[in-house]
């Protein structure tokens, strides 16, 4: 009887563990976006871009991917170095957002 109870618990544990992995991955995907926003509030733009790119890699939903591309683009614009400029073009093309010509002085200080 105890052996049967043990086996039932073992099966339950294995099923729970497999579901837990999927739940954990979903939570990680959701957590990366607020971490990116927090990094932006601290003016850590490279870290911000990293978190949004990680969130982008972990999701399959097109709407979330577009949002992550947009946020990563904003972080690269705020970085304003040569390497970031090339990344702006890549990410902006991914979410079909067209940047019109702009003067950097018109933007708020990032």
PDB file of N, CA and C in Angstrom:
ATOM      1  N   UNK A   1       0.827  -1.192   0.000  1.00  0.00           N
ATOM      2  CA  UNK A   1       0.000   0.000   0.000  1.00  0.00           C
ATOM      3  C   UNK A   1       0.872   1.257   0.000  1.00  0.00           C
ATOM      4  N   UNK A   2       1.924   1.243   0.839  1.00  0.00           N
ATOM      5  CA  UNK A   2       2.818   2.398   0.886  1.00  0.00           C
ATOM      6  C   UNK A   2       3.563   2.577  -0.435  1.00  0.00           C
ATOM      7  N   UNK A   3       3.937   1.458  -1.039  1.00  0.00           N
ATOM      8  CA  UNK A   3       4.629   1.534  -2.319  1.00  0.00           C
ATOM      9  C   UNK A   3       3.729   2.159  -3.387  1.00  0.00           C
ATOM     10  N   UNK A   4       2.463   1.786  -3.397  1.00  0.00           N
ATOM     11  CA  UNK A   4       1.515   2.351  -4.356  1.00  0.00           C
ATOM     12  C   UNK A   4       1.354   3.850  -4.129  1.00  0.00           C
ATOM     13  N   UNK A   5       1.256   4.258  -2.882  1.00  0.00           N
ATOM     14  CA  UNK A   5       1.130   5.676  -2.540  1.00  0.00           C
ATOM     15  C   UNK A   5       2.386   6.441  -2.981  1.00  0.00           C
ATOM     16  N   UNK A   6       3.544   5.844  -2.766  1.00  0.00           N
ATOM     17  CA  UNK A   6       4.802   6.461  -3.178  1.00  0.00           C
ATOM     18  C   UNK A   6       4.837   6.667  -4.693  1.00  0.00           C
ATOM     19  N   UNK A   7       4.434   5.644  -5.447  1.00  0.00           N
ATOM     20  CA  UNK A   7       4.440   5.749  -6.903  1.00  0.00           C
ATOM     21  C   UNK A   7       3.461   6.808  -7.398  1.00  0.00           C
ATOM     22  N   UNK A   8       2.296   6.909  -6.770  1.00  0.00           N
ATOM     23  CA  UNK A   8       1.336   7.952  -7.143  1.00  0.00           C
ATOM     24  C   UNK A   8       1.930   9.336  -6.912  1.00  0.00           C
ATOM     25  N   UNK A   9       2.595   9.504  -5.775  1.00  0.00           N
ATOM     26  CA  UNK A   9       3.214  10.797  -5.472  1.00  0.00           C
ATOM     27  C   UNK A   9       4.356  11.109  -6.442  1.00  0.00           C
ATOM     28  N   UNK A  10       5.097  10.078  -6.819  1.00  0.00           N
ATOM     29  CA  UNK A  10       6.201  10.289  -7.752  1.00  0.00           C
ATOM     30  C   UNK A  10       5.670  10.747  -9.110  1.00  0.00           C
ATOM     31  N   UNK A  11       4.613  10.135  -9.585  1.00  0.00           N
ATOM     32  CA  UNK A  11       4.010  10.537 -10.856  1.00  0.00           C
ATOM     33  C   UNK A  11       3.490  11.966 -10.762  1.00  0.00           C
ATOM     34  N   UNK A  12       2.826  12.283  -9.670  1.00  0.00           N
ATOM     35  CA  UNK A  12       2.315  13.643  -9.467  1.00  0.00           C
ATOM     36  C   UNK A  12       3.450  14.652  -9.459  1.00  0.00           C
ATOM     37  N   UNK A  13       4.530  14.315  -8.791  1.00  0.00           N
ATOM     38  CA  UNK A  13       5.686  15.205  -8.720  1.00  0.00           C
ATOM     39  C   UNK A  13       6.272  15.447 -10.106  1.00  0.00           C
ATOM     40  N   UNK A  14       6.408  14.379 -10.892  1.00  0.00           N
ATOM     41  CA  UNK A  14       6.970  14.517 -12.243  1.00  0.00           C
ATOM     42  C   UNK A  14       6.079  15.393 -13.122  1.00  0.00           C
ATOM     43  N   UNK A  15       4.776  15.210 -13.030  1.00  0.00           N
ATOM     44  CA  UNK A  15       3.859  16.039 -13.815  1.00  0.00           C
ATOM     45  C   UNK A  15       3.946  17.500 -13.388  1.00  0.00           C
ATOM     46  N   UNK A  16       4.013  17.737 -12.098  1.00  0.00           N
ATOM     47  CA  UNK A  16       4.115  19.104 -11.581  1.00  0.00           C
ATOM     48  C   UNK A  16       5.418  19.747 -12.027  1.00  0.00           C
ATOM     49  N   UNK A  17       6.479  19.000 -11.997  1.00  0.00           N
ATOM     50  CA  UNK A  17       7.779  19.555 -12.372  1.00  0.00           C
ATOM     51  C   UNK A  17       7.792  19.957 -13.844  1.00  0.00           C
ATOM     52  N   UNK A  18       7.201  19.155 -14.703  1.00  0.00           N
ATOM     53  CA  UNK A  18       7.192  19.507 -16.127  1.00  0.00           C
ATOM     54  C   UNK A  18       6.338  20.742 -16.378  1.00  0.00           C
ATOM     55  N   UNK A  19       5.238  20.893 -15.664  1.00  0.00           N
ATOM     56  CA  UNK A  19       4.411  22.087 -15.799  1.00  0.00           C
ATOM     57  C   UNK A  19       5.113  23.294 -15.192  1.00  0.00           C
ATOM     58  N   UNK A  20       5.881  23.088 -14.148  1.00  0.00           N
ATOM     59  CA  UNK A  20       6.579  24.182 -13.488  1.00  0.00           C
ATOM     60  C   UNK A  20       7.604  24.822 -14.415  1.00  0.00           C
ATOM     61  N   UNK A  21       8.261  24.021 -15.226  1.00  0.00           N
ATOM     62  CA  UNK A  21       9.270  24.552 -16.150  1.00  0.00           C
ATOM     63  C   UNK A  21       8.621  25.517 -17.136  1.00  0.00           C
ATOM     64  N   UNK A  22       7.483  25.137 -17.685  1.00  0.00           N
ATOM     65  CA  UNK A  22       6.782  26.014 -18.624  1.00  0.00           C
ATOM     66  C   UNK A  22       6.318  27.292 -17.932  1.00  0.00           C
ATOM     67  N   UNK A  23       5.817  27.153 -16.716  1.00  0.00           N
ATOM     68  CA  UNK A  23       5.376  28.332 -15.969  1.00  0.00           C
ATOM     69  C   UNK A  23       6.552  29.244 -15.650  1.00  0.00           C
ATOM     70  N   UNK A  24       7.675  28.652 -15.302  1.00  0.00           N
ATOM     71  CA  UNK A  24       8.864  29.444 -14.990  1.00  0.00           C
ATOM     72  C   UNK A  24       9.347  30.196 -16.227  1.00  0.00           C
ATOM     73  N   UNK A  25       9.344  29.548 -17.371  1.00  0.00           N
ATOM     74  CA  UNK A  25       9.770  30.212 -18.603  1.00  0.00           C
ATOM     75  C   UNK A  25       8.836  31.366 -18.955  1.00  0.00           C
ATOM     76  N   UNK A  26       7.546  31.179 -18.746  1.00  0.00           N
ATOM     77  CA  UNK A  26       6.592  32.257 -19.015  1.00  0.00           C
ATOM     78  C   UNK A  26       6.833  33.438 -18.086  1.00  0.00           C
ATOM     79  N   UNK A  27       7.127  33.155 -16.831  1.00  0.00           N
ATOM     80  CA  UNK A  27       7.403  34.232 -15.873  1.00  0.00           C
ATOM     81  C   UNK A  27       8.688  34.971 -16.225  1.00  0.00           C
ATOM     82  N   UNK A  28       9.705  34.246 -16.646  1.00  0.00           N
ATOM     83  CA  UNK A  28      10.967  34.887 -17.030  1.00  0.00           C
ATOM     84  C   UNK A  28      10.753  35.842 -18.188  1.00  0.00           C
ATOM     85  N   UNK A  29       9.940  35.433 -19.136  1.00  0.00           N
ATOM     86  CA  UNK A  29       9.652  36.268 -20.296  1.00  0.00           C
ATOM     87  C   UNK A  29       8.974  37.565 -19.862  1.00  0.00           C
ATOM     88  N   UNK A  30       8.033  37.449 -18.943  1.00  0.00           N
ATOM     89  CA  UNK A  30       7.294  38.617 -18.478  1.00  0.00           C
ATOM     90  C   UNK A  30       8.166  39.508 -17.603  1.00  0.00           C
ATOM     91  N   UNK A  31       9.061  38.929 -16.836  1.00  0.00           N
ATOM     92  CA  UNK A  31       9.899  39.691 -15.908  1.00  0.00           C
ATOM     93  C   UNK A  31      10.952  40.512 -16.646  1.00  0.00           C
ATOM     94  N   UNK A  32      11.419  40.051 -17.785  1.00  0.00           N
ATOM     95  CA  UNK A  32      12.467  40.779 -18.514  1.00  0.00           C
ATOM     96  C   UNK A  32      12.011  42.169 -18.935  1.00  0.00           C
ATOM     97  N   UNK A  33      10.750  42.337 -19.271  1.00  0.00           N
ATOM     98  CA  UNK A  33      10.282  43.650 -19.723  1.00  0.00           C
ATOM     99  C   UNK A  33      10.322  44.697 -18.612  1.00  0.00           C
ATOM    100  N   UNK A  34       9.790  44.435 -17.416  1.00  0.00           N
ATOM    101  CA  UNK A  34       9.934  45.444 -16.349  1.00  0.00           C
ATOM    102  C   UNK A  34      11.390  45.704 -15.971  1.00  0.00           C
ATOM    103  N   UNK A  35      12.237  44.686 -16.075  1.00  0.00           N
ATOM    104  CA  UNK A  35      13.661  44.901 -15.799  1.00  0.00           C
ATOM    105  C   UNK A  35      14.249  45.874 -16.818  1.00  0.00           C
ATOM    106  N   UNK A  36      13.817  45.778 -18.066  1.00  0.00           N
ATOM    107  CA  UNK A  36      14.258  46.719 -19.093  1.00  0.00           C
ATOM    108  C   UNK A  36      13.784  48.129 -18.807  1.00  0.00           C
ATOM    109  N   UNK A  37      12.532  48.258 -18.374  1.00  0.00           N
ATOM    110  CA  UNK A  37      12.006  49.584 -18.030  1.00  0.00           C
ATOM    111  C   UNK A  37      12.753  50.171 -16.837  1.00  0.00           C
ATOM    112  N   UNK A  38      13.062  49.342 -15.865  1.00  0.00           N
ATOM    113  CA  UNK A  38      13.807  49.807 -14.693  1.00  0.00           C
ATOM    114  C   UNK A  38      15.204  50.270 -15.105  1.00  0.00           C
ATOM    115  N   UNK A  39      15.863  49.510 -15.975  1.00  0.00           N
ATOM    116  CA  UNK A  39      17.195  49.905 -16.451  1.00  0.00           C
ATOM    117  C   UNK A  39      17.122  51.236 -17.191  1.00  0.00           C
ATOM    118  N   UNK A  40      16.041  51.459 -17.947  1.00  0.00           N
ATOM    119  CA  UNK A  40      15.882  52.733 -18.649  1.00  0.00           C
ATOM    120  C   UNK A  40      15.747  53.881 -17.657  1.00  0.00           C
ATOM    121  N   UNK A  41      15.016  53.648 -16.574  1.00  0.00           N
ATOM    122  CA  UNK A  41      14.840  54.713 -15.577  1.00  0.00           C
ATOM    123  C   UNK A  41      16.152  55.074 -14.899  1.00  0.00           C
ATOM    124  N   UNK A  42      17.113  54.149 -14.908  1.00  0.00           N
ATOM    125  CA  UNK A  42      18.432  54.409 -14.327  1.00  0.00           C
ATOM    126  C   UNK A  42      19.448  54.857 -15.385  1.00  0.00           C
ATOM    127  N   UNK A  43      18.990  55.043 -16.624  1.00  0.00           N
ATOM    128  CA  UNK A  43      19.830  55.445 -17.753  1.00  0.00           C
ATOM    129  C   UNK A  43      20.901  54.401 -18.075  1.00  0.00           C
ATOM    130  N   UNK A  44      20.582  53.137 -17.855  1.00  0.00           N
ATOM    131  CA  UNK A  44      21.478  52.024 -18.222  1.00  0.00           C
ATOM    132  C   UNK A  44      20.952  51.429 -19.530  1.00  0.00           C
ATOM    133  N   UNK A  45      21.231  52.113 -20.629  1.00  0.00           N
ATOM    134  CA  UNK A  45      20.580  51.784 -21.893  1.00  0.00           C
ATOM    135  C   UNK A  45      21.054  50.470 -22.503  1.00  0.00           C
ATOM    136  N   UNK A  46      22.317  50.124 -22.309  1.00  0.00           N
ATOM    137  CA  UNK A  46      22.793  48.832 -22.825  1.00  0.00           C
ATOM    138  C   UNK A  46      22.116  47.680 -22.095  1.00  0.00           C
ATOM    139  N   UNK A  47      21.978  47.825 -20.788  1.00  0.00           N
ATOM    140  CA  UNK A  47      21.294  46.799 -19.997  1.00  0.00           C
ATOM    141  C   UNK A  47      19.817  46.739 -20.368  1.00  0.00           C
ATOM    142  N   UNK A  48      19.228  47.897 -20.609  1.00  0.00           N
ATOM    143  CA  UNK A  48      17.828  47.950 -21.019  1.00  0.00           C
ATOM    144  C   UNK A  48      17.628  47.163 -22.313  1.00  0.00           C
ATOM    145  N   UNK A  49      18.470  47.424 -23.292  1.00  0.00           N
ATOM    146  CA  UNK A  49      18.361  46.719 -24.573  1.00  0.00           C
ATOM    147  C   UNK A  49      18.526  45.216 -24.374  1.00  0.00           C
ATOM    148  N   UNK A  50      19.466  44.829 -23.515  1.00  0.00           N
ATOM    149  CA  UNK A  50      19.688  43.410 -23.242  1.00  0.00           C
ATOM    150  C   UNK A  50      18.410  42.739 -22.732  1.00  0.00           C
ATOM    151  N   UNK A  51      17.728  43.375 -21.780  1.00  0.00           N
ATOM    152  CA  UNK A  51      16.525  42.769 -21.203  1.00  0.00           C
ATOM    153  C   UNK A  51      15.401  42.668 -22.233  1.00  0.00           C
ATOM    154  N   UNK A  52      15.256  43.688 -23.068  1.00  0.00           N
ATOM    155  CA  UNK A  52      14.207  43.617 -24.081  1.00  0.00           C
ATOM    156  C   UNK A  52      14.524  42.578 -25.152  1.00  0.00           C
ATOM    157  N   UNK A  53      15.788  42.433 -25.499  1.00  0.00           N
ATOM    158  CA  UNK A  53      16.170  41.407 -26.474  1.00  0.00           C
ATOM    159  C   UNK A  53      15.956  40.014 -25.885  1.00  0.00           C
ATOM    160  N   UNK A  54      16.256  39.847 -24.601  1.00  0.00           N
ATOM    161  CA  UNK A  54      16.009  38.550 -23.950  1.00  0.00           C
ATOM    162  C   UNK A  54      14.520  38.229 -23.940  1.00  0.00           C
ATOM    163  N   UNK A  55      13.697  39.220 -23.638  1.00  0.00           N
ATOM    164  CA  UNK A  55      12.257  39.004 -23.658  1.00  0.00           C
ATOM    165  C   UNK A  55      11.790  38.662 -25.072  1.00  0.00           C
ATOM    166  N   UNK A  56      12.375  39.317 -26.047  1.00  0.00           N
ATOM    167  CA  UNK A  56      12.053  39.059 -27.450  1.00  0.00           C
ATOM    168  C   UNK A  56      12.365  37.617 -27.831  1.00  0.00           C
ATOM    169  N   UNK A  57      13.504  37.114 -27.400  1.00  0.00           N
ATOM    170  CA  UNK A  57      13.917  35.747 -27.729  1.00  0.00           C
ATOM    171  C   UNK A  57      13.010  34.699 -27.091  1.00  0.00           C
ATOM    172  N   UNK A  58      12.418  35.037 -25.952  1.00  0.00           N
ATOM    173  CA  UNK A  58      11.660  34.048 -25.192  1.00  0.00           C
ATOM    174  C   UNK A  58      10.186  33.995 -25.555  1.00  0.00           C
ATOM    175  N   UNK A  59       9.720  34.900 -26.394  1.00  0.00           N
ATOM    176  CA  UNK A  59       8.297  34.907 -26.706  1.00  0.00           C
ATOM    177  C   UNK A  59       8.050  34.508 -28.155  1.00  0.00           C
ATOM    178  N   UNK A  60       6.876  33.977 -28.392  1.00  0.00           N
ATOM    179  CA  UNK A  60       6.473  33.606 -29.742  1.00  0.00           C
ATOM    180  C   UNK A  60       5.392  34.536 -30.277  1.00  0.00           C
ATOM    181  N   UNK A  61       4.816  35.352 -29.408  1.00  0.00           N
ATOM    182  CA  UNK A  61       3.734  36.243 -29.817  1.00  0.00           C
ATOM    183  C   UNK A  61       4.297  37.423 -30.600  1.00  0.00           C
ATOM    184  N   UNK A  62       3.739  37.653 -31.777  1.00  0.00           N
ATOM    185  CA  UNK A  62       4.219  38.724 -32.658  1.00  0.00           C
ATOM    186  C   UNK A  62       4.028  40.100 -32.032  1.00  0.00           C
ATOM    187  N   UNK A  63       2.931  40.309 -31.311  1.00  0.00           N
ATOM    188  CA  UNK A  63       2.690  41.626 -30.716  1.00  0.00           C
ATOM    189  C   UNK A  63       3.731  41.947 -29.644  1.00  0.00           C
ATOM    190  N   UNK A  64       4.096  40.959 -28.843  1.00  0.00           N
ATOM    191  CA  UNK A  64       5.116  41.166 -27.815  1.00  0.00           C
ATOM    192  C   UNK A  64       6.476  41.364 -28.471  1.00  0.00           C
ATOM    193  N   UNK A  65       6.756  40.618 -29.530  1.00  0.00           N
ATOM    194  CA  UNK A  65       8.024  40.782 -30.235  1.00  0.00           C
ATOM    195  C   UNK A  65       8.150  42.188 -30.819  1.00  0.00           C
ATOM    196  N   UNK A  66       7.057  42.700 -31.392  1.00  0.00           N
ATOM    197  CA  UNK A  66       7.084  44.059 -31.940  1.00  0.00           C
ATOM    198  C   UNK A  66       7.337  45.083 -30.851  1.00  0.00           C
ATOM    199  N   UNK A  67       6.693  44.891 -29.713  1.00  0.00           N
ATOM    200  CA  UNK A  67       6.887  45.811 -28.598  1.00  0.00           C
ATOM    201  C   UNK A  67       8.333  45.758 -28.101  1.00  0.00           C
ATOM    202  N   UNK A  68       8.898  44.575 -28.021  1.00  0.00           N
ATOM    203  CA  UNK A  68      10.292  44.439 -27.582  1.00  0.00           C
ATOM    204  C   UNK A  68      11.246  45.099 -28.570  1.00  0.00           C
ATOM    205  N   UNK A  69      10.976  44.950 -29.864  1.00  0.00           N
ATOM    206  CA  UNK A  69      11.799  45.626 -30.868  1.00  0.00           C
ATOM    207  C   UNK A  69      11.703  47.141 -30.695  1.00  0.00           C
ATOM    208  N   UNK A  70      10.494  47.642 -30.444  1.00  0.00           N
ATOM    209  CA  UNK A  70      10.321  49.088 -30.270  1.00  0.00           C
ATOM    210  C   UNK A  70      11.088  49.583 -29.050  1.00  0.00           C
ATOM    211  N   UNK A  71      10.971  48.880 -27.936  1.00  0.00           N
ATOM    212  CA  UNK A  71      11.680  49.294 -26.720  1.00  0.00           C
ATOM    213  C   UNK A  71      13.192  49.201 -26.896  1.00  0.00           C
ATOM    214  N   UNK A  72      13.668  48.160 -27.571  1.00  0.00           N
ATOM    215  CA  UNK A  72      15.108  48.034 -27.818  1.00  0.00           C
ATOM    216  C   UNK A  72      15.591  49.178 -28.703  1.00  0.00           C
ATOM    217  N   UNK A  73      14.777  49.557 -29.678  1.00  0.00           N
ATOM    218  CA  UNK A  73      15.138  50.675 -30.550  1.00  0.00           C
ATOM    219  C   UNK A  73      15.270  51.962 -29.760  1.00  0.00           C
ATOM    220  N   UNK A  74      14.336  52.204 -28.860  1.00  0.00           N
ATOM    221  CA  UNK A  74      14.406  53.409 -28.021  1.00  0.00           C
ATOM    222  C   UNK A  74      15.676  53.396 -27.181  1.00  0.00           C
ATOM    223  N   UNK A  75      16.025  52.260 -26.634  1.00  0.00           N
ATOM    224  CA  UNK A  75      17.239  52.195 -25.812  1.00  0.00           C
ATOM    225  C   UNK A  75      18.483  52.459 -26.651  1.00  0.00           C
ATOM    226  N   UNK A  76      18.505  51.969 -27.890  1.00  0.00           N
ATOM    227  CA  UNK A  76      19.655  52.228 -28.756  1.00  0.00           C
ATOM    228  C   UNK A  76      19.715  53.695 -29.177  1.00  0.00           C
ATOM    229  N   UNK A  77      18.562  54.321 -29.384  1.00  0.00           N
ATOM    230  CA  UNK A  77      18.551  55.753 -29.704  1.00  0.00           C
ATOM    231  C   UNK A  77      19.124  56.547 -28.540  1.00  0.00           C
ATOM    232  N   UNK A  78      18.744  56.168 -27.336  1.00  0.00           N
ATOM    233  CA  UNK A  78      19.241  56.875 -26.153  1.00  0.00           C
ATOM    234  C   UNK A  78      20.739  56.662 -25.949  1.00  0.00           C
ATOM    235  N   UNK A  79      21.264  55.531 -26.385  1.00  0.00           N
ATOM    236  CA  UNK A  79      22.702  55.278 -26.237  1.00  0.00           C
ATOM    237  C   UNK A  79      23.519  56.220 -27.104  1.00  0.00           C
ATOM    238  N   UNK A  80      23.062  56.490 -28.295  1.00  0.00           N
ATOM    239  CA  UNK A  80      23.646  57.433 -29.261  1.00  0.00           C
ATOM    240  C   UNK A  80      25.135  57.220 -29.522  1.00  0.00           C
ATOM    241  N   UNK A  81      25.554  55.979 -29.656  1.00  0.00           N
ATOM    242  CA  UNK A  81      26.916  55.725 -30.129  1.00  0.00           C
ATOM    243  C   UNK A  81      26.829  55.062 -31.509  1.00  0.00           C
ATOM    244  N   UNK A  82      27.956  54.893 -32.158  1.00  0.00           N
ATOM    245  CA  UNK A  82      27.972  54.404 -33.544  1.00  0.00           C
ATOM    246  C   UNK A  82      27.397  52.997 -33.668  1.00  0.00           C
ATOM    247  N   UNK A  83      27.744  52.119 -32.751  1.00  0.00           N
ATOM    248  CA  UNK A  83      27.251  50.740 -32.817  1.00  0.00           C
ATOM    249  C   UNK A  83      25.740  50.692 -32.612  1.00  0.00           C
ATOM    250  N   UNK A  84      25.238  51.522 -31.721  1.00  0.00           N
ATOM    251  CA  UNK A  84      23.804  51.543 -31.451  1.00  0.00           C
ATOM    252  C   UNK A  84      23.017  52.039 -32.656  1.00  0.00           C
ATOM    253  N   UNK A  85      23.602  52.950 -33.428  1.00  0.00           N
ATOM    254  CA  UNK A  85      22.902  53.478 -34.601  1.00  0.00           C
ATOM    255  C   UNK A  85      22.580  52.376 -35.603  1.00  0.00           C
ATOM    256  N   UNK A  86      23.495  51.448 -35.806  1.00  0.00           N
ATOM    257  CA  UNK A  86      23.229  50.349 -36.736  1.00  0.00           C
ATOM    258  C   UNK A  86      22.156  49.419 -36.187  1.00  0.00           C
ATOM    259  N   UNK A  87      22.120  49.265 -34.879  1.00  0.00           N
ATOM    260  CA  UNK A  87      21.108  48.403 -34.267  1.00  0.00           C
ATOM    261  C   UNK A  87      19.728  49.037 -34.337  1.00  0.00           C
ATOM    262  N   UNK A  88      19.675  50.381 -34.338  1.00  0.00           N
ATOM    263  CA  UNK A  88      18.393  51.077 -34.472  1.00  0.00           C
ATOM    264  C   UNK A  88      17.747  50.694 -35.791  1.00  0.00           C
ATOM    265  N   UNK A  89      18.509  50.717 -36.868  1.00  0.00           N
ATOM    266  CA  UNK A  89      17.961  50.368 -38.183  1.00  0.00           C
ATOM    267  C   UNK A  89      17.453  48.937 -38.217  1.00  0.00           C
ATOM    268  N   UNK A  90      18.188  48.023 -37.610  1.00  0.00           N
ATOM    269  CA  UNK A  90      17.777  46.622 -37.597  1.00  0.00           C
ATOM    270  C   UNK A  90      16.458  46.447 -36.851  1.00  0.00           C
ATOM    271  N   UNK A  91      16.377  46.990 -35.637  1.00  0.00           N
ATOM    272  CA  UNK A  91      15.177  46.779 -34.830  1.00  0.00           C
ATOM    273  C   UNK A  91      13.981  47.557 -35.357  1.00  0.00           C
ATOM    274  N   UNK A  92      14.213  48.740 -35.894  1.00  0.00           N
ATOM    275  CA  UNK A  92      13.077  49.500 -36.416  1.00  0.00           C
ATOM    276  C   UNK A  92      12.484  48.807 -37.636  1.00  0.00           C
ATOM    277  N   UNK A  93      13.310  48.155 -38.435  1.00  0.00           N
ATOM    278  CA  UNK A  93      12.776  47.443 -39.597  1.00  0.00           C
ATOM    279  C   UNK A  93      11.996  46.203 -39.173  1.00  0.00           C
ATOM    280  N   UNK A  94      12.309  45.654 -38.016  1.00  0.00           N
ATOM    281  CA  UNK A  94      11.640  44.437 -37.562  1.00  0.00           C
ATOM    282  C   UNK A  94      10.196  44.679 -37.142  1.00  0.00           C
ATOM    283  N   UNK A  95       9.895  45.863 -36.643  1.00  0.00           N
ATOM    284  CA  UNK A  95       8.509  46.082 -36.231  1.00  0.00           C
ATOM    285  C   UNK A  95       7.794  47.064 -37.151  1.00  0.00           C
ATOM    286  N   UNK A  96       8.348  47.265 -38.359  1.00  0.00           N
ATOM    287  CA  UNK A  96       7.706  48.077 -39.398  1.00  0.00           C
ATOM    288  C   UNK A  96       7.337  49.468 -38.916  1.00  0.00           C
ATOM    289  N   UNK A  97       8.221  50.066 -38.181  1.00  0.00           N
ATOM    290  CA  UNK A  97       8.007  51.421 -37.698  1.00  0.00           C
ATOM    291  C   UNK A  97       8.975  52.314 -38.449  1.00  0.00           C
ATOM    292  N   UNK A  98       8.470  53.321 -39.101  1.00  0.00           N
ATOM    293  CA  UNK A  98       9.332  54.178 -39.908  1.00  0.00           C
ATOM    294  C   UNK A  98       9.701  55.416 -39.113  1.00  0.00           C
ATOM    295  N   UNK A  99      11.000  55.609 -38.969  1.00  0.00           N
ATOM    296  CA  UNK A  99      11.485  56.803 -38.297  1.00  0.00           C
ATOM    297  C   UNK A  99      11.587  57.926 -39.325  1.00  0.00           C
ATOM    298  N   UNK A 100      10.954  59.022 -39.015  1.00  0.00           N
ATOM    299  CA  UNK A 100      11.076  60.182 -39.879  1.00  0.00           C
ATOM    300  C   UNK A 100      12.333  60.945 -39.485  1.00  0.00           C
ATOM    301  N   UNK A 101      12.795  61.774 -40.385  1.00  0.00           N
ATOM    302  CA  UNK A 101      14.010  62.524 -40.066  1.00  0.00           C
ATOM    303  C   UNK A 101      13.753  63.352 -38.815  1.00  0.00           C
ATOM    304  N   UNK A 102      14.731  63.380 -37.959  1.00  0.00           N
ATOM    305  CA  UNK A 102      14.560  64.089 -36.703  1.00  0.00           C
ATOM    306  C   UNK A 102      15.866  64.745 -36.303  1.00  0.00           C
ATOM    307  N   UNK A 103      15.729  65.711 -35.462  1.00  0.00           N
ATOM    308  CA  UNK A 103      16.875  66.403 -34.908  1.00  0.00           C
ATOM    309  C   UNK A 103      17.037  65.896 -33.488  1.00  0.00           C
ATOM    310  N   UNK A 104      18.203  65.398 -33.134  1.00  0.00           N
ATOM    311  CA  UNK A 104      18.399  64.828 -31.799  1.00  0.00           C
ATOM    312  C   UNK A 104      18.157  65.850 -30.702  1.00  0.00           C
ATOM    313  N   UNK A 105      18.312  67.127 -31.013  1.00  0.00           N
ATOM    314  CA  UNK A 105      18.076  68.156 -29.995  1.00  0.00           C
ATOM    315  C   UNK A 105      16.602  68.275 -29.637  1.00  0.00           C
ATOM    316  N   UNK A 106      15.728  67.786 -30.502  1.00  0.00           N
ATOM    317  CA  UNK A 106      14.301  67.853 -30.217  1.00  0.00           C
ATOM    318  C   UNK A 106      13.872  66.796 -29.208  1.00  0.00           C
ATOM    319  N   UNK A 107      14.674  65.752 -29.054  1.00  0.00           N
ATOM    320  CA  UNK A 107      14.334  64.698 -28.107  1.00  0.00           C
ATOM    321  C   UNK A 107      14.667  65.133 -26.689  1.00  0.00           C
ATOM    322  N   UNK A 108      13.917  64.613 -25.778  1.00  0.00           N
ATOM    323  CA  UNK A 108      14.261  64.835 -24.377  1.00  0.00           C
ATOM    324  C   UNK A 108      15.566  64.134 -24.081  1.00  0.00           C
ATOM    325  N   UNK A 109      16.287  64.637 -23.145  1.00  0.00           N
ATOM    326  CA  UNK A 109      17.561  64.019 -22.797  1.00  0.00           C
ATOM    327  C   UNK A 109      17.312  62.619 -22.277  1.00  0.00           C
ATOM    328  N   UNK A 110      17.964  61.659 -22.878  1.00  0.00           N
ATOM    329  CA  UNK A 110      17.814  60.265 -22.445  1.00  0.00           C
ATOM    330  C   UNK A 110      18.843  60.004 -21.405  1.00  0.00           C
TER     331      UNK A 110
END
